[in-house]
C-alpha atoms as a PDB file:
ATOM      1  CA  MET A   1      83.707  96.446 114.614  1.00  0.00           C
ATOM      2  CA  SER A   2      84.576  98.107 111.302  1.00  0.00           C
ATOM      3  CA  LEU A   3      84.523 101.726 112.528  1.00  0.00           C
ATOM      4  CA  PHE A   4      87.740 102.588 114.325  1.00  0.00           C
ATOM      5  CA  ILE A   5      87.683 105.482 116.788  1.00  0.00           C
ATOM      6  CA  PRO A   6      91.102 106.301 118.269  1.00  0.00           C
ATOM      7  CA  PRO A   7      91.186 106.213 122.083  1.00  0.00           C
ATOM      8  CA  ASP A   8      93.016 109.552 121.962  1.00  0.00           C
ATOM      9  CA  TYR A   9      93.330 111.907 118.981  1.00  0.00           C
ATOM     10  CA  PHE A  10      96.193 113.833 120.561  1.00  0.00           C
ATOM     11  CA  ARG A  11      98.913 111.202 120.855  1.00  0.00           C
ATOM     12  CA  GLU A  12     100.604 108.651 118.638  1.00  0.00           C
ATOM     13  CA  LEU A  13      98.703 105.368 118.501  1.00  0.00           C
ATOM     14  CA  ASP A  14     100.170 102.018 119.406  1.00  0.00           C
ATOM     15  CA  THR A  15      99.706  99.494 116.587  1.00  0.00           C
ATOM     16  CA  ARG A  16      97.800  97.181 118.979  1.00  0.00           C
ATOM     17  CA  GLU A  17      95.168  99.876 119.468  1.00  0.00           C
ATOM     18  CA  ILE A  18      94.233  99.569 115.798  1.00  0.00           C
ATOM     19  CA  PHE A  19      94.510  95.777 115.379  1.00  0.00           C
ATOM     20  CA  PRO A  20      95.377  93.279 118.125  1.00  0.00           C
ATOM     21  CA  ASN A  21      98.293  91.483 116.435  1.00  0.00           C
ATOM     22  CA  PRO A  22     101.268  93.814 115.846  1.00  0.00           C
ATOM     23  CA  ALA A  23     103.123  91.072 113.946  1.00  0.00           C
ATOM     24  CA  ARG A  24     100.694  91.353 111.021  1.00  0.00           C
ATOM     25  CA  ALA A  25     101.383  93.817 108.196  1.00  0.00           C
ATOM     26  CA  LEU A  26      99.325  97.013 108.463  1.00  0.00           C
ATOM     27  CA  GLU A  27      98.337  98.784 105.249  1.00  0.00           C
ATOM     28  CA  VAL A  28      96.685 102.209 105.247  1.00  0.00           C
ATOM     29  CA  GLU A  29      94.586 103.796 102.517  1.00  0.00           C
ATOM     30  CA  LEU A  30      94.211 107.565 102.719  1.00  0.00           C
ATOM     31  CA  GLY A  31      90.967 108.945 101.324  1.00  0.00           C
ATOM     32  CA  CYS A  32      89.345 105.526 101.008  1.00  0.00           C
ATOM     33  CA  GLY A  33      86.196 106.843  99.294  1.00  0.00           C
ATOM     34  CA  ASP A  34      83.457 104.232  99.126  1.00  0.00           C
ATOM     35  CA  GLY A  35      85.737 101.435 100.381  1.00  0.00           C
ATOM     36  CA  THR A  36      85.999  99.487  97.122  1.00  0.00           C
ATOM     37  CA  PHE A  37      89.801  99.267  97.214  1.00  0.00           C
ATOM     38  CA  LEU A  38      90.008  98.698 100.975  1.00  0.00           C
ATOM     39  CA  VAL A  39      87.506  95.839 100.984  1.00  0.00           C
ATOM     40  CA  GLY A  40      89.020  94.278  97.872  1.00  0.00           C
ATOM     41  CA  MET A  41      92.484  94.267  99.433  1.00  0.00           C
ATOM     42  CA  ALA A  42      91.249  92.932 102.784  1.00  0.00           C
ATOM     43  CA  GLN A  43      89.464  90.059 101.012  1.00  0.00           C
ATOM     44  CA  GLU A  44      92.481  89.223  98.846  1.00  0.00           C
ATOM     45  CA  TYR A  45      95.004  89.412 101.705  1.00  0.00           C
ATOM     46  CA  PRO A  46      93.385  88.017 104.865  1.00  0.00           C
ATOM     47  CA  GLU A  47      96.807  87.713 106.512  1.00  0.00           C
ATOM     48  CA  ARG A  48      97.225  91.527 106.474  1.00  0.00           C
ATOM     49  CA  ASP A  49      95.334  94.306 108.299  1.00  0.00           C
ATOM     50  CA  PHE A  50      93.873  97.353 106.518  1.00  0.00           C
ATOM     51  CA  LEU A  51      92.905 100.775 107.826  1.00  0.00           C
ATOM     52  CA  GLY A  52      90.984 103.195 105.637  1.00  0.00           C
ATOM     53  CA  VAL A  53      91.110 106.902 106.457  1.00  0.00           C
ATOM     54  CA  GLU A  54      88.366 109.194 105.174  1.00  0.00           C
ATOM     55  CA  ARG A  55      87.072 112.546 106.408  1.00  0.00           C
ATOM     56  CA  MET A  56      83.653 112.493 104.681  1.00  0.00           C
ATOM     57  CA  LEU A  57      81.032 110.978 106.994  1.00  0.00           C
ATOM     58  CA  GLY A  58      78.890 109.499 104.202  1.00  0.00           C
ATOM     59  CA  ARG A  59      81.885 107.708 102.706  1.00  0.00           C
ATOM     60  CA  VAL A  60      82.968 106.415 106.124  1.00  0.00           C
ATOM     61  CA  SER A  61      79.473 105.006 106.704  1.00  0.00           C
ATOM     62  CA  LYS A  62      79.396 103.377 103.268  1.00  0.00           C
ATOM     63  CA  THR A  63      82.838 101.819 103.758  1.00  0.00           C
ATOM     64  CA  SER A  64      81.882 100.562 107.218  1.00  0.00           C
ATOM     65  CA  ARG A  65      78.760  98.880 105.821  1.00  0.00           C
ATOM     66  CA  LYS A  66      80.817  97.200 103.059  1.00  0.00           C
ATOM     67  CA  ILE A  67      83.314  95.863 105.602  1.00  0.00           C
ATOM     68  CA  ASN A  68      80.517  94.531 107.805  1.00  0.00           C
ATOM     69  CA  ARG A  69      78.610  92.942 104.910  1.00  0.00           C
ATOM     70  CA  ALA A  70      81.797  91.158 103.804  1.00  0.00           C
ATOM     71  CA  GLY A  71      82.351  89.906 107.366  1.00  0.00           C
ATOM     72  CA  LEU A  72      85.923  91.220 107.420  1.00  0.00           C
ATOM     73  CA  THR A  73      87.842  91.325 110.687  1.00  0.00           C
ATOM     74  CA  ASN A  74      91.046  92.633 109.074  1.00  0.00           C
ATOM     75  CA  ALA A  75      89.649  95.996 107.923  1.00  0.00           C
ATOM     76  CA  HIS A  76      88.640  99.165 109.764  1.00  0.00           C
ATOM     77  CA  VAL A  77      87.736 102.659 108.650  1.00  0.00           C
ATOM     78  CA  MET A  78      88.484 105.837 110.581  1.00  0.00           C
ATOM     79  CA  ARG A  79      87.033 109.306 110.071  1.00  0.00           C
ATOM     80  CA  LEU A  80      89.883 111.798 110.102  1.00  0.00           C
ATOM     81  CA  GLU A  81      91.913 114.092 107.879  1.00  0.00           C
ATOM     82  CA  SER A  82      94.786 112.380 106.016  1.00  0.00           C
ATOM     83  CA  GLY A  83      97.601 114.851 106.747  1.00  0.00           C
ATOM     84  CA  TYR A  84      97.005 114.798 110.491  1.00  0.00           C
ATOM     85  CA  THR A  85      96.618 111.015 110.533  1.00  0.00           C
ATOM     86  CA  THR A  86      99.946 110.530 108.771  1.00  0.00           C
ATOM     87  CA  GLY A  87     101.795 113.357 110.469  1.00  0.00           C
ATOM     88  CA  TRP A  88     100.806 112.689 114.067  1.00  0.00           C
ATOM     89  CA  LEU A  89      98.479 109.771 114.796  1.00  0.00           C
ATOM     90  CA  LEU A  90      99.762 106.604 113.104  1.00  0.00           C
ATOM     91  CA  PRO A  91     102.461 104.619 114.950  1.00  0.00           C
ATOM     92  CA  THR A  92     106.143 105.146 114.158  1.00  0.00           C
ATOM     93  CA  GLY A  93     107.392 102.301 111.968  1.00  0.00           C
ATOM     94  CA  GLY A  94     103.988 100.649 112.131  1.00  0.00           C
ATOM     95  CA  VAL A  95     102.837 100.789 108.495  1.00  0.00           C
ATOM     96  CA  SER A  96     103.940  98.331 105.796  1.00  0.00           C
ATOM     97  CA  ARG A  97     102.225 100.117 102.920  1.00  0.00           C
ATOM     98  CA  LEU A  98     100.446 103.416 102.484  1.00  0.00           C
ATOM     99  CA  HIS A  99      98.112 103.886  99.518  1.00  0.00           C
ATOM    100  CA  LEU A 100      97.080 107.295  98.145  1.00  0.00           C
ATOM    101  CA  LEU A 101      94.726 106.778  95.236  1.00  0.00           C
ATOM    102  CA  CYS A 102      93.191 109.577  93.146  1.00  0.00           C
ATOM    103  CA  PRO A 103      93.575 112.280  95.824  1.00  0.00           C
ATOM    104  CA  ASP A 104      92.087 115.749  95.476  1.00  0.00           C
ATOM    105  CA  PRO A 105      94.487 117.345  92.959  1.00  0.00           C
ATOM    106  CA  TRP A 106      93.916 120.972  94.005  1.00  0.00           C
ATOM    107  CA  PRO A 107      94.423 121.932  90.332  1.00  0.00           C
ATOM    108  CA  LYS A 108      94.717 125.723  90.732  1.00  0.00           C
ATOM    109  CA  LYS A 109      98.309 126.927  90.975  1.00  0.00           C
ATOM    110  CA  ARG A 110      97.538 129.050  94.063  1.00  0.00           C
ATOM    111  CA  HIS A 111      96.286 125.889  95.837  1.00  0.00           C
ATOM    112  CA  ALA A 112      99.429 123.817  95.173  1.00  0.00           C
ATOM    113  CA  ALA A 113     100.450 123.950  98.845  1.00  0.00           C
ATOM    114  CA  ARG A 114      97.238 122.102  99.735  1.00  0.00           C
ATOM    115  CA  ARG A 115      98.304 119.021  97.771  1.00  0.00           C
ATOM    116  CA  LEU A 116      99.126 116.302 100.272  1.00  0.00           C
ATOM    117  CA  VAL A 117     102.415 115.448  98.534  1.00  0.00           C
ATOM    118  CA  ASN A 118     103.559 119.064  98.986  1.00  0.00           C
ATOM    119  CA  GLN A 119     102.888 119.204 102.738  1.00  0.00           C
ATOM    120  CA  GLU A 120     105.760 118.796 105.177  1.00  0.00           C
ATOM    121  CA  GLU A 121     103.410 117.284 107.775  1.00  0.00           C
ATOM    122  CA  PHE A 122     102.541 114.474 105.373  1.00  0.00           C
ATOM    123  CA  LEU A 123     106.045 113.887 103.969  1.00  0.00           C
ATOM    124  CA  SER A 124     107.739 113.798 107.379  1.00  0.00           C
ATOM    125  CA  GLY A 125     104.934 111.648 108.735  1.00  0.00           C
ATOM    126  CA  LEU A 126     105.248 109.232 105.823  1.00  0.00           C
ATOM    127  CA  ALA A 127     108.962 108.748 106.547  1.00  0.00           C
ATOM    128  CA  ARG A 128     108.165 108.238 110.251  1.00  0.00           C
ATOM    129  CA  ILE A 129     105.293 105.733 109.949  1.00  0.00           C
ATOM    130  CA  LEU A 130     106.622 103.462 107.189  1.00  0.00           C
ATOM    131  CA  LYS A 131     108.683 100.492 108.321  1.00  0.00           C
ATOM    132  CA  PRO A 132     112.133 100.196 106.711  1.00  0.00           C
ATOM    133  CA  GLY A 133     111.318  98.603 103.364  1.00  0.00           C
ATOM    134  CA  GLY A 134     107.705  99.799 103.635  1.00  0.00           C
ATOM    135  CA  GLU A 135     106.060 101.259 100.539  1.00  0.00           C
ATOM    136  CA  PHE A 136     104.135 104.336  99.473  1.00  0.00           C
ATOM    137  CA  LEU A 137     101.925 103.785  96.416  1.00  0.00           C
ATOM    138  CA  LEU A 138     100.302 106.661  94.519  1.00  0.00           C
ATOM    139  CA  LYS A 139      97.838 106.779  91.656  1.00  0.00           C
ATOM    140  CA  THR A 140      96.463 110.011  90.195  1.00  0.00           C
ATOM    141  CA  ASP A 141      94.831 111.195  86.995  1.00  0.00           C
ATOM    142  CA  ASP A 142      96.374 114.661  87.451  1.00  0.00           C
ATOM    143  CA  GLN A 143      99.724 115.199  85.675  1.00  0.00           C
ATOM    144  CA  VAL A 144     100.752 118.206  87.787  1.00  0.00           C
ATOM    145  CA  TYR A 145      99.979 116.375  91.041  1.00  0.00           C
ATOM    146  CA  PHE A 146     102.021 113.439  89.782  1.00  0.00           C
ATOM    147  CA  GLU A 147     104.977 115.684  88.911  1.00  0.00           C
ATOM    148  CA  ASP A 148     104.764 117.310  92.362  1.00  0.00           C
ATOM    149  CA  ALA A 149     104.858 113.875  93.979  1.00  0.00           C
ATOM    150  CA  LEU A 150     107.879 112.811  91.933  1.00  0.00           C
ATOM    151  CA  ALA A 151     109.713 116.009  92.905  1.00  0.00           C
ATOM    152  CA  SER A 152     108.745 115.867  96.593  1.00  0.00           C
ATOM    153  CA  LEU A 153     109.638 112.209  97.124  1.00  0.00           C
ATOM    154  CA  GLY A 154     112.680 112.446  94.855  1.00  0.00           C
ATOM    155  CA  ALA A 155     114.115 115.178  97.081  1.00  0.00           C
ATOM    156  CA  ARG A 156     113.973 112.967 100.175  1.00  0.00           C
ATOM    157  CA  PRO A 157     116.785 110.465 100.686  1.00  0.00           C
ATOM    158  CA  GLN A 158     114.517 108.287 102.864  1.00  0.00           C
ATOM    159  CA  PHE A 159     112.691 107.113  99.716  1.00  0.00           C
ATOM    160  CA  GLU A 160     113.702 105.273  96.581  1.00  0.00           C
ATOM    161  CA  ARG A 161     111.417 104.866  93.607  1.00  0.00           C
ATOM    162  CA  LEU A 162     110.499 101.327  92.560  1.00  0.00           C
ATOM    163  CA  ASP A 163     109.198  99.964  89.276  1.00  0.00           C
ATOM    164  CA  TRP A 164     105.475  99.292  89.200  1.00  0.00           C
ATOM    165  CA  PRO A 165     104.687  97.277  86.086  1.00  0.00           C
ATOM    166  CA  GLU A 166     101.082  96.712  85.073  1.00  0.00           C
ATOM    167  CA  ASN A 167      99.602  93.699  86.881  1.00  0.00           C
ATOM    168  CA  ALA A 168     102.672  93.324  89.111  1.00  0.00           C
ATOM    169  CA  PHE A 169     100.351  92.303  91.954  1.00  0.00           C
ATOM    170  CA  PHE A 170      96.676  92.342  92.852  1.00  0.00           C
ATOM    171  CA  TYR A 171      95.508  95.952  93.107  1.00  0.00           C
ATOM    172  CA  PRO A 172      91.783  96.787  92.888  1.00  0.00           C
ATOM    173  CA  THR A 173      90.527  99.787  90.935  1.00  0.00           C
ATOM    174  CA  THR A 174      88.958 102.526  93.073  1.00  0.00           C
ATOM    175  CA  ASP A 175      85.619 104.131  92.238  1.00  0.00           C
ATOM    176  CA  PHE A 176      87.380 107.396  91.292  1.00  0.00           C
ATOM    177  CA  GLU A 177      89.947 105.603  89.134  1.00  0.00           C
ATOM    178  CA  GLN A 178      87.219 103.722  87.285  1.00  0.00           C
ATOM    179  CA  HIS A 179      85.383 106.985  86.653  1.00  0.00           C
ATOM    180  CA  TRP A 180      88.497 108.670  85.244  1.00  0.00           C
ATOM    181  CA  LEU A 181      89.385 105.658  83.087  1.00  0.00           C
ATOM    182  CA  GLU A 182      85.868 105.649  81.627  1.00  0.00           C
ATOM    183  CA  SER A 183      86.306 109.373  80.900  1.00  0.00           C
ATOM    184  CA  GLY A 184      89.437 108.579  78.878  1.00  0.00           C
ATOM    185  CA  ARG A 185      91.934 110.030  81.341  1.00  0.00           C
ATOM    186  CA  GLN A 186      95.358 108.517  81.923  1.00  0.00           C
ATOM    187  CA  ILE A 187      96.193 107.215  85.374  1.00  0.00           C
ATOM    188  CA  HIS A 188      99.739 107.974  86.530  1.00  0.00           C
ATOM    189  CA  ARG A 189     101.251 105.757  89.178  1.00  0.00           C
ATOM    190  CA  ALA A 190     104.400 105.560  91.220  1.00  0.00           C
ATOM    191  CA  ARG A 191     105.737 103.445  94.047  1.00  0.00           C
ATOM    192  CA  TRP A 192     108.450 104.253  96.569  1.00  0.00           C
ATOM    193  CA  ARG A 193     110.232 102.225  99.263  1.00  0.00           C
ATOM    194  CA  ARG A 194     111.283 103.570 102.650  1.00  0.00           C
ATOM    195  CA  VAL A 195     115.045 103.194 102.813  1.00  0.00           C
ATOM    196  CA  SER A 196     116.336 102.120 106.232  1.00  0.00           C
END
Protein backbone atom coordinates (compact mmCIF):
# COMPACT_ATOMS: atom_id res chain seq x y z
CA MET A 1 0.00 0.00 0.00
CA SER A 2 1.47 3.35 -1.04
CA LEU A 3 -0.11 5.47 1.73
CA PHE A 4 1.82 5.11 4.97
CA ILE A 5 0.00 5.89 8.21
CA PRO A 6 2.24 5.70 11.30
CA PRO A 7 0.96 3.30 13.98
CA ASP A 8 1.61 6.05 16.53
CA TYR A 9 2.26 9.74 15.83
CA PHE A 10 3.64 10.35 19.32
CA ARG A 11 6.72 8.14 19.40
CA GLU A 12 9.78 7.51 17.28
CA LEU A 13 9.14 4.96 14.54
CA ASP A 14 11.11 1.78 14.08
CA THR A 15 12.48 1.50 10.54
CA ARG A 16 10.63 -1.83 10.09
CA GLU A 17 7.32 -0.04 10.63
CA ILE A 18 7.92 1.94 7.45
CA PHE A 19 9.46 -0.80 5.26
CA PRO A 20 9.98 -4.44 6.27
CA ASN A 21 13.70 -4.77 5.50
CA PRO A 22 15.84 -2.51 7.72
CA ALA A 23 18.99 -3.49 5.80
CA ARG A 24 17.82 -1.52 2.75
CA ALA A 25 18.71 2.17 2.40
CA LEU A 26 15.84 4.50 3.32
CA GLU A 27 15.60 7.84 1.54
CA VAL A 28 13.11 10.53 2.59
CA GLU A 29 11.77 13.41 0.52
CA LEU A 30 10.24 16.26 2.50
CA GLY A 31 7.46 18.15 0.72
CA CYS A 32 7.18 15.61 -2.08
CA GLY A 33 4.62 17.64 -4.07
CA ASP A 34 3.05 15.62 -6.87
CA GLY A 35 5.45 12.69 -6.40
CA THR A 36 7.45 13.14 -9.61
CA PHE A 37 10.83 12.98 -7.87
CA LEU A 38 9.82 10.24 -5.43
CA VAL A 39 8.47 7.92 -8.13
CA GLY A 40 11.41 8.62 -10.43
CA MET A 41 13.90 7.72 -7.71
CA ALA A 42 12.00 4.59 -6.65
CA GLN A 43 11.93 3.37 -10.26
CA GLU A 44 15.63 4.09 -10.81
CA TYR A 45 16.76 2.54 -7.52
CA PRO A 46 14.61 -0.53 -6.80
CA GLU A 47 17.12 -1.71 -4.19
CA ARG A 48 16.35 1.33 -1.99
CA ASP A 49 13.19 2.38 -0.11
CA PHE A 50 11.63 5.85 -0.43
CA LEU A 51 9.27 7.74 1.86
CA GLY A 52 7.64 10.96 0.70
CA VAL A 53 6.34 13.40 3.31
CA GLU A 54 3.70 15.94 2.34
CA ARG A 55 1.10 17.82 4.39
CA MET A 56 -1.27 18.77 1.53
CA LEU A 57 -3.97 16.11 1.12
CA GLY A 58 -4.40 16.60 -2.64
CA ARG A 59 -0.68 16.16 -3.24
CA VAL A 60 -0.57 13.06 -1.01
CA SER A 61 -3.44 11.53 -3.00
CA LYS A 62 -1.78 12.34 -6.32
CA THR A 63 1.55 10.87 -5.18
CA SER A 64 -0.17 7.74 -3.87
CA ARG A 65 -1.91 7.21 -7.22
CA LYS A 66 1.41 7.61 -9.09
CA ILE A 67 3.09 5.04 -6.84
CA ASN A 68 0.23 2.59 -7.31
CA ARG A 69 0.07 3.07 -11.09
CA ALA A 70 3.82 2.39 -11.32
CA GLY A 71 3.40 -0.77 -9.22
CA LEU A 72 6.13 0.31 -6.80
CA THR A 73 6.61 -1.57 -3.55
CA ASN A 74 9.63 0.51 -2.48
CA ALA A 75 7.80 3.84 -2.15
CA HIS A 76 5.29 5.21 0.36
CA VAL A 77 3.85 8.64 1.01
CA MET A 78 2.85 9.98 4.41
CA ARG A 79 0.72 13.01 5.22
CA LEU A 80 2.47 15.02 7.91
CA GLU A 81 4.38 18.23 8.52
CA SER A 82 8.10 18.07 7.65
CA GLY A 83 9.58 19.63 10.81
CA TYR A 84 7.71 17.28 13.13
CA THR A 85 8.49 14.26 10.96
CA THR A 86 12.21 15.01 11.03
CA GLY A 87 12.38 16.25 14.60
CA TRP A 88 10.40 13.50 16.31
CA LEU A 89 8.96 10.70 14.18
CA LEU A 90 11.66 9.26 11.90
CA PRO A 91 13.97 6.61 13.41
CA THR A 92 17.35 7.57 14.87
CA GLY A 93 20.10 6.69 12.40
CA GLY A 94 17.53 5.22 10.03
CA VAL A 95 17.79 7.53 7.01
CA SER A 96 20.48 7.26 4.32
CA ARG A 97 19.47 10.40 2.44
CA LEU A 98 17.07 13.24 3.05
CA HIS A 99 15.94 15.38 0.12
CA LEU A 100 14.50 18.90 0.48
CA LEU A 101 13.64 20.22 -2.95
CA CYS A 102 12.20 23.69 -3.65
CA PRO A 103 10.76 24.20 -0.14
CA ASP A 104 8.53 27.13 0.76
CA PRO A 105 11.07 29.97 0.97
CA TRP A 106 9.10 32.19 3.37
CA PRO A 107 10.59 35.21 1.54
CA LYS A 108 9.57 37.97 3.97
CA LYS A 109 12.29 38.84 6.48
CA ARG A 110 9.85 38.61 9.42
CA HIS A 111 9.05 35.00 8.39
CA ALA A 112 12.69 33.83 8.30
CA ALA A 113 12.22 31.71 11.43
CA ARG A 114 9.62 29.64 9.56
CA ARG A 115 12.20 28.43 7.04
CA LEU A 116 12.83 24.76 7.74
CA VAL A 117 16.62 25.21 7.61
CA ASN A 118 16.38 27.81 10.39
CA GLN A 119 14.38 25.62 12.79
CA GLU A 120 16.16 23.86 15.64
CA GLU A 121 13.60 21.03 15.56
CA PHE A 122 14.55 20.26 11.96
CA LEU A 123 18.32 20.72 12.31
CA SER A 124 18.61 18.59 15.46
CA GLY A 125 16.29 16.01 13.95
CA LEU A 126 18.35 15.89 10.76
CA ALA A 127 21.51 15.13 12.76
CA ARG A 128 19.62 12.45 14.72
CA ILE A 129 17.94 10.60 11.82
CA LEU A 130 20.80 10.51 9.29
CA LYS A 131 23.10 7.51 9.48
CA PRO A 132 26.82 8.32 9.81
CA GLY A 133 27.79 9.09 6.22
CA GLY A 134 24.14 9.81 5.35
CA GLU A 135 23.37 12.83 3.18
CA PHE A 136 21.14 15.88 3.16
CA LEU A 137 20.46 17.27 -0.32
CA LEU A 138 18.85 20.67 -0.89
CA LYS A 139 17.68 22.47 -4.00
CA THR A 140 16.02 25.90 -3.95
CA ASP A 141 15.39 28.76 -6.34
CA ASP A 142 15.54 31.25 -3.45
CA GLN A 143 18.98 32.82 -2.84
CA VAL A 144 18.22 33.93 0.74
CA TYR A 145 16.91 30.48 1.69
CA PHE A 146 20.05 28.96 0.20
CA GLU A 147 22.30 31.33 2.17
CA ASP A 148 20.37 30.50 5.37
CA ALA A 149 20.90 26.79 4.72
CA LEU A 150 24.62 27.26 4.13
CA ALA A 151 24.93 29.23 7.38
CA SER A 152 22.78 26.84 9.45
CA LEU A 153 24.48 23.64 8.29
CA GLY A 154 27.91 25.27 8.25
CA ALA A 155 27.55 26.10 11.95
CA ARG A 156 26.97 22.46 12.88
CA PRO A 157 30.02 20.22 13.23
CA GLN A 158 27.88 17.12 12.53
CA PHE A 159 27.76 18.08 8.84
CA GLU A 160 30.34 18.56 6.13
CA ARG A 161 29.53 20.02 2.74
CA LEU A 162 30.16 17.84 -0.31
CA ASP A 163 30.61 18.75 -3.96
CA TRP A 164 27.56 18.19 -6.12
CA PRO A 165 28.60 18.49 -9.76
CA GLU A 166 25.95 18.59 -12.47
CA ASN A 167 24.90 15.08 -13.50
CA ALA A 168 26.91 13.47 -10.68
CA PHE A 169 24.14 10.88 -10.32
CA PHE A 170 20.56 10.30 -11.40
CA TYR A 171 18.35 12.98 -9.84
CA PRO A 172 14.89 13.70 -11.30
CA THR A 173 13.59 17.25 -11.67
CA THR A 174 10.61 18.08 -9.45
CA ASP A 175 7.48 19.79 -10.75
CA PHE A 176 8.40 22.99 -8.85
CA GLU A 177 11.99 22.94 -10.11
CA GLN A 178 10.81 22.53 -13.70
CA HIS A 179 8.44 25.46 -13.27
CA TRP A 180 11.19 27.72 -11.90
CA LEU A 181 13.66 26.67 -14.60
CA GLU A 182 11.09 27.49 -17.29
CA SER A 183 10.62 30.89 -15.61
CA GLY A 184 14.36 31.55 -15.98
CA ARG A 185 15.23 31.24 -12.30
CA GLN A 186 18.50 29.75 -11.09
CA ILE A 187 18.37 26.63 -8.96
CA HIS A 188 20.85 26.59 -6.07
CA ARG A 189 21.90 23.24 -4.68
CA ALA A 190 23.99 21.89 -1.87
CA ARG A 191 24.78 18.52 -0.38
CA TRP A 192 26.02 17.67 3.10
CA ARG A 193 27.23 14.45 4.76
CA ARG A 194 26.52 13.46 8.35
CA VAL A 195 29.90 13.13 10.03
CA SER A 196 30.12 10.22 12.47
